[in-house]
Every structure is written in structure tokens, then in C-alpha cells.
Amino acid sequence: MTLPFLSPEAPYAILLMLVGAALILRPLQAWRRSLMNTGVFFAACLMGDLLAGLLADQVQPAALRWLREMAVFGEGLAVIRYLGLALFNVVLPRMRVHISGILADILVIIGYVAWAFLRLNLAGVEFSHLFATSAVLTAVVAISMQDTLGNLLGGLALQMDNSLEIGDWIQMGDVAGRVSDIQWRYTAIVTRSGERVVIPNSHLMKNRYAVICNKRQAVPQQRRIIAFNVDLSVPPARITTAVLQDIQTARVPNVSLDPQPQCLLMDFGPGFARYQLRYWLIDPGPDEITDSDVRHHVLAALQREGIRLAVSDQTIHLVQEGEAHRGEVRARELNRRLQAIAQIDLFSRLSEAEQLELAGRLVNAPFARGDIVTRQGAIAHWLYIIVSGEAEAWWQPPDGSPQRLLEKRGPGSVFGELGLMTGAPRRATVIATTDMEAYRLDKAGFEHIIRARPELAEGISAILEARLEHFQALERGHAEGKPASHSTQGSDVAALGKKIREFFGL
């Protein structure tokens, strides 16, 4: 197969270039600029080949011979590049055979060198003199490029043994990040702050690095530790139970429940015990954000149990204004509780003295975002008053279908009143959708007031009737797939007054 004025190799080069272009142009659209440059280079070499044929009778044969040899050599380089990209980036991946990028580059370079030796051999070059000269040159280059060769071999080793892959999270010294690129000379990682750190491959091979998360894991994970101190007077079982129950039931983003979190008593300090909460991240990227969320939950869980974080024992000399300041704080808190009670129609029939006494019996109950405040079906004789934040009430239908959102509640709302007044099981699961501050009132805090004034039961039962009717309408609306209706089931509503009196023994 020959073409006029072109070398015998040109038709085969054109055919191979067309085959390679057909294979790579669509799959490797991101390489379009590089592929176009190679195509332009091939066209330039083809023009040189054609020019050598056109000037066959006008220029010295020796000059035309070297022009044609250079043109044919360039055509071969372009063909090898196109075929290499087609083989290593298209054909083999479709056959589910993957090799490292550095190895593919080396094989293509070997192809270039082999093509060069072939053309030199056809041109009549003596290889004995060439090898003698190249051996000395190779030794000089090897000595002067030790670091570069070390980086090259290091990058090749990293990709050949799969000890490090793009997407892995690694830590080396005080630098940690996700591997974004492995090149001939370096490996690049992107830190959590967005910085791109370049590490020479030879440095990775000579030093120890830790693979924090391996992308080949089904769920890449990293263990984190949150340390906190609690007074020695608090039983360890109470602390570990409160913390673990909160973390395992709350919806904390990026916290894995498999492996399960652990809360351990690690050490004793001056006046306190040192604990550690150990849990696993799903994504190691937002580590500090997740740590902050977990600390919110730990603090809220301990505060709900009346447990304060401890500090080292110290001797402090109080100034005279200290007692006055504490009195102002107590008065401010009491006033805040009175304002919260005044917004609740359930306590609207209480006198000012009774509301003041009730405010003193409220217990601070903070919740972190995602905490389960009450669980459907549980029996608890207390109610919650939301001071700040929001919560959602979810209802589980009896047929086992997915939970359904009943309503959202914000500051000034109260829930759990049926449990306080009648001891009835919780009718819905309430989940804090934001960090939420609330007050809790138990049966004992309200019992002495209603015992002193039994007539309050009738007025309160009327309020609870409306609450129960509203809740039953929401349940029926979800069950029937229709908007909530306001018809009531008299059997439950009529019995409320009796339940209240029986519950408080009136």
C-alpha cells in the first residue's frame, strides 16, 4: 500500500492514527487539547514526508533522506502516543484491566525508544559505538539525577503495590489529607483546610506514613476520641450509660454506629475522673465539625442527668459582690422560668404563688440536635417546656409502616402533659431538630399543688381534652391519608378527668 510522494510507512501511519483517534476522541474528551496537539504534530511530520517526495529531483539525496527519516520518526511517535492512550485508557479499562498511570507512561516511553532504535538501525547507525557512548552518558545522568530517579521509582512502586491510591486519607507527621494525585515526581494530598501539599515520592518511600482511611473499605472510617472530666462523686456507670445512650440514639451526622461508640474511664485526676468517648467517623473530612457536634451531645446528656463537667480542685477567695451576683443570677433564672410557665394554658389556673413554687421545681433539660426527647410507647411521668430551639413529633402507625411527621414545635411549646397528668404512655417520638433548651417538670413537682386544690383537675382535664382531640385527629388523618379532622373519640376524652384524679390519688 503506497501513496504518491510519501514514504512506504506513511499509509500505515495514517491508518493507525485514524484507528487510534476513533477509539480515544470520545472517551478522552478531557484530553482534547493534548490530542489535537499530537494530531497537528503528525500532520506536520506528514507534510515533511510529502515535501521530501516532492523535492526528490531538486535537492541533494542526503538532505532529503534525513528529512524523510525525521518525518517518518515523528509520524511513529504520534502513532505510538495515540495507540498507547487507546490501549491503556480505553481498551484495557473496558476489559476491567487496570494498570498504574506511571507504568503506562513507562511502557509508552519504551515504545518511543524502541521506535528510535529501529529507525536508527534502518538508517545504518552502528549500535556498538552508540552503546559505548550511551553507557557513559547513562552513568553520568544517573548520578546527577539520583533524586529524580528516586521519585520516579518511588511513584512507580506506590502504584504497583497499591500501598497508596488516589482517594486514600493519609497522615505524615503533622500533615493529613486525601491523596488527589500520584505523579512521576510527587504525590499530592489535599488537606482539610483545602491546601494542596506536594510530597516527593522518594520521601514517602523512605519515611513512615499512616493510611487513615482506605478507599477500598466498604465504609471508610476513622476513630476519634473526645475526653472529658467528671467529679469523682458521680458513679461511672451513670456517666457511661448517659453518654452512650445519647450518642447511640441521637441522629449525629457523620458518626458511625458500627463499630459501636465506647465510653471508658481512663484515669483519675485531682478531684475528678477522666473519661474518653471513642467513636468512628464515616467521612474523615469534617472531623472537627463532627467532634464539635459530639461534644454538644455529651454536654447536653450530662446536664440532663444533673452532672457537671469537673475542673481541678482550687482554692478561690470570693469578693463581697459574689453572693449578690449569685442572687441576681438566681432571680434572673426564676423570672425566666415564670415567663415560660405563663405561656402554657395548662398552668393558667394556678395562682401567682403556685406558679412561683412550680417554677422552683423545674429542672433544666438541654438537648443537642438529633436527641430523642421522648419515645413513643415509653411511660414517663413528666413534661417538657421548650424555651429555645425546635423539635418534631413523629408517630409510628400500628401497622409498622414508616414513621410520619405529626407536627413541629418551637419555643413556648409543651409536650408530655398527658404523661405528667395521667401517667399515659408517650403517643409520639419527639426529636430535637436543633440544639434545644427546655425545662422538665415531674409528677412530684406538681403533685402537692393539685392535692391542695383538687378542683384544678377538672379545669386541666378540659385543656387536655382539646390536646387529646387534636392529637387523635392528626393520627386519624395520617392513617386515612386525609387532612386531620376534628371529630373526637369520646371514650378517651371523657375518661381524662377520672384518670387525673386516680393518678394523683385524689
Protein backbone atom coordinates (compact mmCIF):
# COMPACT_ATOMS: atom_id res chain seq x y z
CA MET A 1 0.00 0.00 0.00
CA THR A 2 1.65 3.22 -1.22
CA LEU A 3 0.68 6.85 -1.72
CA PRO A 4 2.29 9.24 -4.22
CA PHE A 5 5.30 11.19 -2.92
CA LEU A 6 5.01 9.65 0.56
CA SER A 7 7.23 7.11 2.28
CA PRO A 8 6.15 3.44 2.39
CA GLU A 9 5.45 3.81 6.13
CA ALA A 10 3.12 6.79 5.74
CA PRO A 11 -0.06 4.89 4.67
CA TYR A 12 0.21 2.54 7.65
CA ALA A 13 0.83 5.51 9.99
CA ILE A 14 -2.27 7.29 8.64
CA LEU A 15 -4.39 4.16 9.10
CA LEU A 16 -3.19 3.59 12.68
CA MET A 17 -3.77 7.24 13.56
CA LEU A 18 -7.35 7.03 12.31
CA VAL A 19 -7.96 3.84 14.31
CA GLY A 20 -6.46 5.39 17.45
CA ALA A 21 -8.47 8.61 17.01
CA ALA A 22 -11.69 6.63 16.60
CA LEU A 23 -11.03 4.87 19.89
CA ILE A 24 -9.98 7.81 22.05
CA LEU A 25 -11.61 11.01 20.82
CA ARG A 26 -14.98 10.42 22.52
CA PRO A 27 -13.89 8.66 25.78
CA LEU A 28 -10.98 11.09 26.34
CA GLN A 29 -12.73 14.40 25.69
CA ALA A 30 -10.91 15.95 28.65
CA TRP A 31 -7.64 15.35 26.76
CA ARG A 32 -8.89 17.11 23.63
CA ARG A 33 -6.23 19.86 23.63
CA SER A 34 -3.38 17.37 24.04
CA LEU A 35 -4.83 15.07 21.37
CA MET A 36 -5.19 18.00 18.98
CA ASN A 37 -1.55 18.96 19.56
CA THR A 38 -0.47 15.40 18.74
CA GLY A 39 -2.63 15.45 15.60
CA VAL A 40 -1.08 18.73 14.48
CA PHE A 41 2.39 17.27 15.11
CA PHE A 42 1.51 14.22 12.98
CA ALA A 43 0.19 16.43 10.18
CA ALA A 44 3.42 18.48 10.25
CA CYS A 45 5.52 15.30 10.00
CA LEU A 46 3.30 14.08 7.14
CA MET A 47 3.90 17.38 5.33
CA GLY A 48 7.64 16.91 5.79
CA ASP A 49 7.34 13.41 4.38
CA LEU A 50 5.38 14.76 1.39
CA LEU A 51 7.85 17.60 0.91
CA ALA A 52 10.73 15.11 0.75
CA GLY A 53 8.88 13.28 -2.02
CA LEU A 54 8.09 16.42 -4.00
CA LEU A 55 11.70 17.68 -3.89
CA ALA A 56 13.21 14.34 -4.90
CA ASP A 57 14.75 15.73 -8.10
CA GLN A 58 15.65 19.20 -6.85
CA VAL A 59 17.60 18.72 -3.61
CA GLN A 60 20.61 16.59 -2.65
CA PRO A 61 19.56 13.00 -1.82
CA ALA A 62 21.35 13.01 1.54
CA ALA A 63 19.36 16.03 2.81
CA LEU A 64 16.08 14.57 1.54
CA ARG A 65 16.91 11.25 3.18
CA TRP A 66 17.38 12.86 6.61
CA LEU A 67 14.23 14.97 6.11
CA ARG A 68 12.21 11.85 5.33
CA GLU A 69 13.76 9.89 8.23
CA MET A 70 12.89 12.66 10.67
CA ALA A 71 9.37 12.89 9.26
CA VAL A 72 8.80 9.14 9.50
CA PHE A 73 10.25 9.10 13.04
CA GLY A 74 7.82 11.86 14.09
CA GLU A 75 4.90 10.02 12.48
CA GLY A 76 5.79 6.93 14.51
CA LEU A 77 5.91 8.92 17.78
CA ALA A 78 2.41 10.29 17.15
CA VAL A 79 1.10 6.81 16.30
CA ILE A 80 2.63 5.31 19.46
CA ARG A 81 1.03 8.03 21.62
CA TYR A 82 -2.44 7.53 20.13
CA LEU A 83 -2.22 3.73 20.34
CA GLY A 84 -0.87 3.92 23.91
CA LEU A 85 -3.78 6.11 25.02
CA ALA A 86 -6.24 3.82 23.27
CA LEU A 87 -4.76 0.69 24.87
CA PHE A 88 -4.20 1.88 28.44
CA ASN A 89 -7.09 4.36 28.82
CA VAL A 90 -9.86 2.77 26.75
CA VAL A 91 -9.36 -0.86 25.75
CA LEU A 92 -7.89 -2.30 28.97
CA PRO A 93 -10.35 -0.46 31.30
CA ARG A 94 -13.23 -1.86 29.24
CA MET A 95 -11.74 -5.30 29.78
CA ARG A 96 -11.58 -4.47 33.52
CA VAL A 97 -7.78 -4.49 33.49
CA HIS A 98 -6.25 -1.50 35.28
CA ILE A 99 -2.59 -0.55 35.44
CA SER A 100 -0.97 2.45 37.10
CA GLY A 101 -0.57 5.65 35.12
CA ILE A 102 3.17 5.73 35.70
CA LEU A 103 3.60 2.19 34.37
CA ALA A 104 1.55 3.09 31.29
CA ASP A 105 3.78 6.12 30.70
CA ILE A 106 6.91 3.99 31.05
CA LEU A 107 5.62 1.44 28.53
CA VAL A 108 4.85 4.22 26.07
CA ILE A 109 8.35 5.63 26.55
CA ILE A 110 9.80 2.16 25.91
CA GLY A 111 7.80 2.18 22.68
CA TYR A 112 9.34 5.53 21.75
CA VAL A 113 12.86 4.23 22.46
CA ALA A 114 12.27 1.01 20.52
CA TRP A 115 10.98 3.00 17.53
CA ALA A 116 14.04 5.25 17.71
CA PHE A 117 16.42 2.27 17.72
CA LEU A 118 14.53 0.71 14.81
CA ARG A 119 14.81 3.85 12.69
CA LEU A 120 18.48 4.27 13.57
CA ASN A 121 19.13 0.67 12.59
CA LEU A 122 17.36 1.19 9.26
CA ALA A 123 19.42 4.34 8.74
CA GLY A 124 22.64 2.34 9.10
CA VAL A 125 23.81 3.55 12.53
CA GLU A 126 26.40 1.29 14.28
CA PHE A 127 25.00 0.31 17.67
CA SER A 128 28.34 -0.79 19.14
CA HIS A 129 29.63 2.79 19.16
CA LEU A 130 26.23 4.07 20.23
CA PHE A 131 26.01 1.74 23.24
CA ALA A 132 29.57 2.51 24.33
CA THR A 133 28.82 6.21 24.31
CA SER A 134 25.37 5.82 25.87
CA ALA A 135 26.73 3.72 28.78
CA VAL A 136 29.00 6.56 29.88
CA LEU A 137 26.21 9.07 29.33
CA THR A 138 23.76 6.93 31.30
CA ALA A 139 26.14 6.71 34.27
CA VAL A 140 26.59 10.49 34.32
CA VAL A 141 22.84 11.10 34.07
CA ALA A 142 22.08 8.53 36.79
CA ILE A 143 24.49 10.14 39.24
CA SER A 144 23.24 13.66 38.55
CA MET A 145 19.56 12.67 38.75
CA GLN A 146 19.50 10.45 41.84
CA ASP A 147 16.62 12.36 43.49
CA THR A 148 14.58 12.45 40.29
CA LEU A 149 15.09 8.74 39.67
CA GLY A 150 14.24 8.02 43.31
CA ASN A 151 10.97 9.94 42.94
CA LEU A 152 10.22 8.12 39.69
CA LEU A 153 10.84 4.66 41.13
CA GLY A 154 9.01 5.61 44.32
CA GLY A 155 5.91 6.68 42.40
CA LEU A 156 6.05 3.51 40.33
CA ALA A 157 6.37 1.36 43.48
CA LEU A 158 3.44 3.13 45.17
CA GLN A 159 1.17 2.40 42.25
CA MET A 160 2.47 -1.11 41.59
CA ASP A 161 1.99 -2.44 45.13
CA ASN A 162 -1.24 -0.46 45.73
CA SER A 163 0.04 0.71 49.11
CA LEU A 164 -1.35 4.15 48.30
CA GLU A 165 -4.19 5.07 45.95
CA ILE A 166 -5.92 8.23 44.87
CA GLY A 167 -8.75 8.84 47.33
CA ASP A 168 -6.95 7.42 50.39
CA TRP A 169 -6.61 9.59 53.50
CA ILE A 170 -3.05 9.64 54.86
CA GLN A 171 -1.18 11.33 57.66
CA MET A 172 2.54 12.03 57.55
CA GLY A 173 3.92 13.95 60.51
CA ASP A 174 1.65 16.93 61.11
CA VAL A 175 0.19 16.83 57.58
CA ALA A 176 -3.03 14.92 56.88
CA GLY A 177 -5.22 14.90 53.78
CA ARG A 178 -6.75 12.99 50.90
CA VAL A 179 -4.49 11.76 48.08
CA SER A 180 -5.52 13.68 44.96
CA ASP A 181 -2.75 12.74 42.51
CA ILE A 182 0.25 10.41 42.14
CA GLN A 183 2.71 11.65 39.52
CA TRP A 184 6.21 10.70 38.44
CA ARG A 185 7.91 13.06 40.86
CA TYR A 186 5.44 13.64 43.66
CA THR A 187 2.24 12.65 45.42
CA ALA A 188 -0.25 15.44 46.08
CA ILE A 189 -2.68 15.50 49.01
CA VAL A 190 -5.47 17.97 49.76
CA THR A 191 -5.73 18.84 53.45
CA ARG A 192 -8.95 19.53 55.32
CA SER A 193 -8.26 23.25 55.02
CA GLY A 194 -8.12 22.96 51.22
CA GLU A 195 -4.35 23.27 50.85
CA ARG A 196 -2.61 21.14 48.22
CA VAL A 197 0.56 19.64 49.71
CA VAL A 198 3.16 18.11 47.38
CA ILE A 199 5.29 15.29 48.85
CA PRO A 200 8.22 13.82 46.84
CA ASN A 201 7.70 10.13 46.17
CA SER A 202 11.17 9.27 47.48
CA HIS A 203 10.21 10.92 50.80
CA LEU A 204 7.14 8.70 51.04
CA MET A 205 9.23 5.58 50.38
CA LYS A 206 11.87 6.46 52.99
CA ASN A 207 9.53 7.57 55.80
CA ARG A 208 6.53 6.19 57.61
CA TYR A 209 3.03 7.42 56.83
CA ALA A 210 -0.34 6.29 58.15
CA VAL A 211 -3.30 5.47 55.91
CA ILE A 212 -6.14 6.97 57.95
CA CYS A 213 -8.91 5.74 55.67
CA ASN A 214 -8.57 3.26 52.82
CA LYS A 215 -10.98 3.92 49.96
CA ARG A 216 -11.25 0.17 49.32
CA GLN A 217 -13.13 -0.22 52.61
CA ALA A 218 -16.89 -0.57 52.23
CA VAL A 219 -17.28 2.36 54.65
CA PRO A 220 -14.06 4.36 55.17
CA GLN A 221 -13.79 5.11 58.88
CA GLN A 222 -11.53 6.87 61.34
CA ARG A 223 -11.67 6.61 65.13
CA ARG A 224 -11.94 9.83 67.12
CA ILE A 225 -11.60 10.49 70.86
CA ILE A 226 -13.43 13.07 72.98
CA ALA A 227 -12.04 13.44 76.52
CA PHE A 228 -13.93 14.99 79.44
CA ASN A 229 -13.67 15.11 83.24
CA VAL A 230 -16.43 14.47 85.79
CA ASP A 231 -16.44 14.76 89.59
CA LEU A 232 -15.39 11.60 91.44
CA SER A 233 -18.65 11.54 93.39
CA VAL A 234 -20.65 10.57 90.28
CA PRO A 235 -20.84 6.77 89.67
CA PRO A 236 -19.03 5.80 86.44
CA ALA A 237 -21.90 3.58 85.29
CA ARG A 238 -24.26 6.56 85.38
CA ILE A 239 -21.91 8.63 83.22
CA THR A 240 -21.14 5.97 80.61
CA THR A 241 -24.80 4.98 80.33
CA ALA A 242 -25.99 8.56 79.84
CA VAL A 243 -23.34 9.38 77.22
CA LEU A 244 -23.61 6.14 75.23
CA GLN A 245 -27.41 6.14 75.23
CA ASP A 246 -27.38 9.67 73.81
CA ILE A 247 -24.76 9.03 71.11
CA GLN A 248 -26.28 5.71 70.02
CA THR A 249 -29.85 7.01 69.75
CA ALA A 250 -29.26 10.57 68.54
CA ARG A 251 -29.00 11.40 64.84
CA VAL A 252 -25.47 12.78 64.81
CA PRO A 253 -24.26 13.34 61.22
CA ASN A 254 -21.06 11.52 60.20
CA VAL A 255 -20.95 9.30 63.32
CA SER A 256 -20.89 5.58 62.58
CA LEU A 257 -22.66 3.15 64.90
CA ASP A 258 -20.68 0.20 63.54
CA PRO A 259 -18.26 -0.24 65.31
CA GLN A 260 -20.26 0.98 68.29
CA PRO A 261 -19.07 4.02 70.28
CA GLN A 262 -17.34 3.35 73.61
CA CYS A 263 -17.23 5.42 76.79
CA LEU A 264 -14.29 4.47 79.01
CA LEU A 265 -13.00 5.54 82.41
CA MET A 266 -9.36 6.28 81.61
CA ASP A 267 -7.74 7.87 84.66
CA PHE A 268 -8.17 9.71 87.96
CA GLY A 269 -7.14 13.32 88.44
CA PRO A 270 -7.15 15.77 91.36
CA GLY A 271 -10.83 15.69 92.30
CA PHE A 272 -12.15 14.25 89.05
CA ALA A 273 -12.26 11.14 86.87
CA ARG A 274 -11.10 11.34 83.25
CA TYR A 275 -13.33 9.73 80.62
CA GLN A 276 -12.98 9.14 76.89
CA LEU A 277 -15.74 8.79 74.33
CA ARG A 278 -14.43 6.84 71.33
CA TYR A 279 -16.42 6.81 68.12
CA TRP A 280 -15.87 6.34 64.39
CA LEU A 281 -16.21 8.86 61.58
CA ILE A 282 -17.88 7.85 58.32
CA ASP A 283 -16.10 10.62 56.38
CA PRO A 284 -12.72 11.78 57.78
CA GLY A 285 -13.05 15.18 56.10
CA PRO A 286 -15.26 17.14 58.54
CA ASP A 287 -13.55 15.72 61.63
CA GLU A 288 -13.53 18.84 63.80
CA ILE A 289 -17.14 19.68 62.89
CA THR A 290 -18.22 16.19 63.95
CA ASP A 291 -16.16 16.44 67.15
CA SER A 292 -18.00 19.67 67.96
CA ASP A 293 -21.40 18.04 67.39
CA VAL A 294 -20.44 15.10 69.59
CA ARG A 295 -19.27 17.44 72.38
CA HIS A 296 -22.69 19.17 72.20
CA HIS A 297 -24.39 15.83 72.74
CA VAL A 298 -22.06 14.79 75.57
CA LEU A 299 -22.56 18.07 77.42
CA ALA A 300 -26.34 18.02 76.95
CA ALA A 301 -26.58 14.37 78.07
CA LEU A 302 -24.60 15.08 81.25
CA GLN A 303 -26.56 18.24 82.03
CA ARG A 304 -29.87 16.39 81.67
CA GLU A 305 -28.63 13.99 84.35
CA GLY A 306 -27.56 16.88 86.56
CA ILE A 307 -23.86 16.05 86.05
CA ARG A 308 -21.40 18.91 85.67
CA LEU A 309 -18.03 18.70 83.99
CA ALA A 310 -15.26 18.88 86.62
CA VAL A 311 -12.17 21.03 86.90
CA SER A 312 -9.14 20.70 89.15
CA ASP A 313 -9.74 21.48 92.81
CA GLN A 314 -8.74 25.08 93.58
CA THR A 315 -8.98 27.46 96.49
CA ILE A 316 -10.81 30.64 95.46
CA HIS A 317 -11.25 33.77 97.60
CA LEU A 318 -14.69 35.24 96.86
CA VAL A 319 -15.16 39.00 96.83
CA GLN A 320 -18.08 40.58 98.69
CA GLU A 321 -20.05 41.05 95.50
CA GLY A 322 -20.05 37.27 94.87
CA GLU A 323 -23.17 36.47 96.91
CA ALA A 324 -25.06 39.41 95.42
CA HIS A 325 -24.10 38.30 91.94
CA ARG A 326 -25.32 34.75 92.59
CA GLY A 327 -28.59 36.15 93.90
CA GLU A 328 -29.05 38.15 90.71
CA VAL A 329 -28.40 35.04 88.62
CA ARG A 330 -30.94 33.01 90.61
CA ALA A 331 -33.55 35.78 90.33
CA ARG A 332 -32.98 36.08 86.59
CA GLU A 333 -33.36 32.33 86.12
CA LEU A 334 -36.51 32.23 88.27
CA ASN A 335 -38.04 35.05 86.24
CA ARG A 336 -37.23 33.16 83.04
CA ARG A 337 -38.99 30.07 84.37
CA LEU A 338 -42.05 32.10 85.37
CA GLN A 339 -42.26 33.52 81.85
CA ALA A 340 -42.11 30.01 80.43
CA ILE A 341 -44.91 28.80 82.74
CA ALA A 342 -47.09 31.83 81.98
CA GLN A 343 -47.20 30.89 78.27
CA ILE A 344 -48.74 27.46 78.99
CA ASP A 345 -52.52 27.29 79.24
CA LEU A 346 -52.19 24.07 81.28
CA PHE A 347 -50.97 26.18 84.25
CA SER A 348 -53.12 29.25 83.59
CA ARG A 349 -55.44 28.40 86.51
CA LEU A 350 -52.60 28.43 89.05
CA SER A 351 -52.17 31.39 91.37
CA GLU A 352 -49.02 33.51 91.32
CA ALA A 353 -47.76 31.77 94.45
CA GLU A 354 -48.39 28.34 92.92
CA GLN A 355 -46.68 29.34 89.68
CA LEU A 356 -43.70 30.63 91.68
CA GLU A 357 -43.49 27.35 93.60
CA LEU A 358 -43.81 25.38 90.37
CA ALA A 359 -41.02 27.44 88.75
CA GLY A 360 -38.69 26.47 91.57
CA ARG A 361 -39.31 22.79 90.84
CA LEU A 362 -38.44 22.96 87.12
CA VAL A 363 -35.25 21.13 86.10
CA ASN A 364 -33.02 22.36 83.32
CA ALA A 365 -33.04 19.80 80.45
CA PRO A 366 -30.92 20.74 77.42
CA PHE A 367 -30.89 18.59 74.26
CA ALA A 368 -28.46 18.53 71.35
CA ARG A 369 -29.67 18.43 67.75
CA GLY A 370 -30.82 14.89 66.93
CA ASP A 371 -31.53 13.83 70.53
CA ILE A 372 -34.59 11.66 71.25
CA VAL A 373 -36.55 13.71 73.81
CA THR A 374 -39.42 11.24 74.28
CA ARG A 375 -40.03 7.87 72.67
CA GLN A 376 -43.45 6.61 71.57
CA GLY A 377 -44.82 3.96 73.92
CA ALA A 378 -42.50 4.82 76.82
CA ILE A 379 -44.03 5.63 80.21
CA ALA A 380 -42.62 8.76 81.86
CA HIS A 381 -44.34 10.99 84.44
CA TRP A 382 -43.01 14.37 83.35
CA LEU A 383 -43.45 17.08 80.74
CA TYR A 384 -41.08 19.40 78.86
CA ILE A 385 -41.35 23.14 78.22
CA ILE A 386 -39.34 24.38 75.21
CA VAL A 387 -37.51 27.63 75.94
CA SER A 388 -35.41 27.80 72.77
CA GLY A 389 -34.91 25.58 69.74
CA GLU A 390 -37.29 23.33 67.82
CA ALA A 391 -38.49 19.73 67.91
CA GLU A 392 -40.57 17.40 65.73
CA ALA A 393 -43.22 14.88 66.82
CA TRP A 394 -43.15 11.61 64.84
CA TRP A 395 -45.88 8.98 65.02
CA GLN A 396 -45.34 5.27 64.34
CA PRO A 397 -48.55 3.73 62.89
CA PRO A 398 -49.63 0.44 64.49
CA ASP A 399 -49.27 -1.42 61.18
CA GLY A 400 -45.47 -0.92 61.21
CA SER A 401 -45.37 1.46 58.24
CA PRO A 402 -42.72 4.23 58.24
CA GLN A 403 -42.88 6.97 60.87
CA ARG A 404 -44.90 10.04 59.96
CA LEU A 405 -44.32 13.64 60.97
CA LEU A 406 -47.22 14.96 63.05
CA GLU A 407 -46.14 18.49 63.89
CA LYS A 408 -43.24 20.79 64.71
CA ARG A 409 -42.90 22.61 67.99
CA GLY A 410 -40.88 25.67 68.99
CA PRO A 411 -40.29 27.99 71.98
CA GLY A 412 -43.27 28.18 74.33
CA SER A 413 -44.50 24.70 73.40
CA VAL A 414 -45.11 21.92 75.89
CA PHE A 415 -45.23 18.17 75.35
CA GLY A 416 -45.61 15.17 77.65
CA GLU A 417 -48.52 16.74 79.55
CA LEU A 418 -50.60 13.56 79.27
CA GLY A 419 -47.75 11.60 80.84
CA LEU A 420 -47.49 14.10 83.71
CA MET A 421 -51.21 14.28 84.42
CA THR A 422 -52.32 10.68 83.77
CA GLY A 423 -49.18 8.52 83.55
CA ALA A 424 -50.20 7.54 79.98
CA PRO A 425 -47.55 6.18 77.57
CA ARG A 426 -46.00 8.62 75.12
CA ARG A 427 -48.13 8.96 72.00
CA ALA A 428 -45.27 10.12 69.74
CA THR A 429 -41.48 10.22 69.47
CA VAL A 430 -40.18 13.77 69.86
CA ILE A 431 -36.80 14.57 68.28
CA ALA A 432 -34.81 17.79 68.74
CA THR A 433 -34.19 19.25 65.28
CA THR A 434 -31.89 21.96 66.67
CA ASP A 435 -29.94 22.42 69.88
CA MET A 436 -32.83 22.85 72.30
CA GLU A 437 -33.10 24.28 75.81
CA ALA A 438 -36.05 23.04 77.85
CA TYR A 439 -37.35 22.69 81.40
CA ARG A 440 -38.62 19.39 82.80
CA LEU A 441 -41.35 19.01 85.40
CA ASP A 442 -42.02 15.64 87.03
CA LYS A 443 -45.05 14.29 88.90
CA ALA A 444 -43.63 15.07 92.34
CA GLY A 445 -43.14 18.72 91.37
CA PHE A 446 -46.84 19.17 90.60
CA GLU A 447 -48.46 16.64 92.92
CA HIS A 448 -48.53 18.76 96.07
CA ILE A 449 -50.22 21.65 94.20
CA ILE A 450 -53.05 19.57 92.75
CA ARG A 451 -53.50 17.76 96.08
CA ALA A 452 -54.00 21.11 97.80
CA ARG A 453 -56.53 22.19 95.14
CA PRO A 454 -58.28 19.09 93.69
CA GLU A 455 -60.67 21.32 91.75
CA LEU A 456 -57.80 22.08 89.38
CA ALA A 457 -58.19 18.56 87.94
CA GLU A 458 -61.47 19.46 86.25
CA GLY A 459 -60.09 22.60 84.58
CA ILE A 460 -56.92 20.85 83.49
CA SER A 461 -58.86 17.90 82.09
CA ALA A 462 -60.77 20.30 79.80
CA ILE A 463 -57.46 21.58 78.40
CA LEU A 464 -56.13 18.06 77.99
CA GLU A 465 -59.31 17.07 76.18
CA ALA A 466 -58.54 19.59 73.46
CA ARG A 467 -54.94 18.37 73.27
CA LEU A 468 -56.00 14.74 73.02
CA GLU A 469 -58.66 15.53 70.42
CA HIS A 470 -56.08 17.39 68.30
CA PHE A 471 -53.62 14.51 68.53
CA GLN A 472 -56.24 11.89 67.70
CA ALA A 473 -57.26 13.93 64.66
CA LEU A 474 -53.65 14.00 63.47
CA GLU A 475 -53.37 10.24 63.92
CA ARG A 476 -56.58 9.57 62.03
CA GLY A 477 -55.61 11.95 59.26
CA HIS A 478 -52.30 10.13 58.72
CA ALA A 479 -53.91 6.71 58.95
CA GLU A 480 -56.56 7.58 56.38
CA GLY A 481 -54.27 9.67 54.19
CA LYS A 482 -56.58 12.68 54.61
CA PRO A 483 -56.29 16.08 56.32
CA ALA A 484 -56.83 15.94 60.06
CA SER A 485 -60.49 16.08 61.06
CA HIS A 486 -61.67 17.45 64.37
CA SER A 487 -64.18 14.79 65.36
CA THR A 488 -63.35 13.23 68.72
CA GLN A 489 -63.45 9.81 70.20
CA GLY A 490 -65.45 10.42 73.31
CA SER A 491 -64.37 7.32 75.18
CA ASP A 492 -60.77 8.54 75.64
CA VAL A 493 -61.64 12.20 76.22
CA ALA A 494 -64.37 11.62 78.80
CA ALA A 495 -62.09 9.49 80.97
CA LEU A 496 -59.36 12.13 81.36
CA GLY A 497 -60.71 13.75 84.49
CA LYS A 498 -61.04 10.37 86.16
CA LYS A 499 -57.52 9.37 85.12
CA ILE A 500 -56.04 12.57 86.56
CA ARG A 501 -57.76 12.05 89.90
CA GLU A 502 -56.72 8.42 90.07
CA PHE A 503 -53.13 9.18 89.07
CA PHE A 504 -52.70 11.73 91.84
CA GLY A 505 -54.81 9.77 94.32
CA LEU A 506 -57.44 12.49 94.73
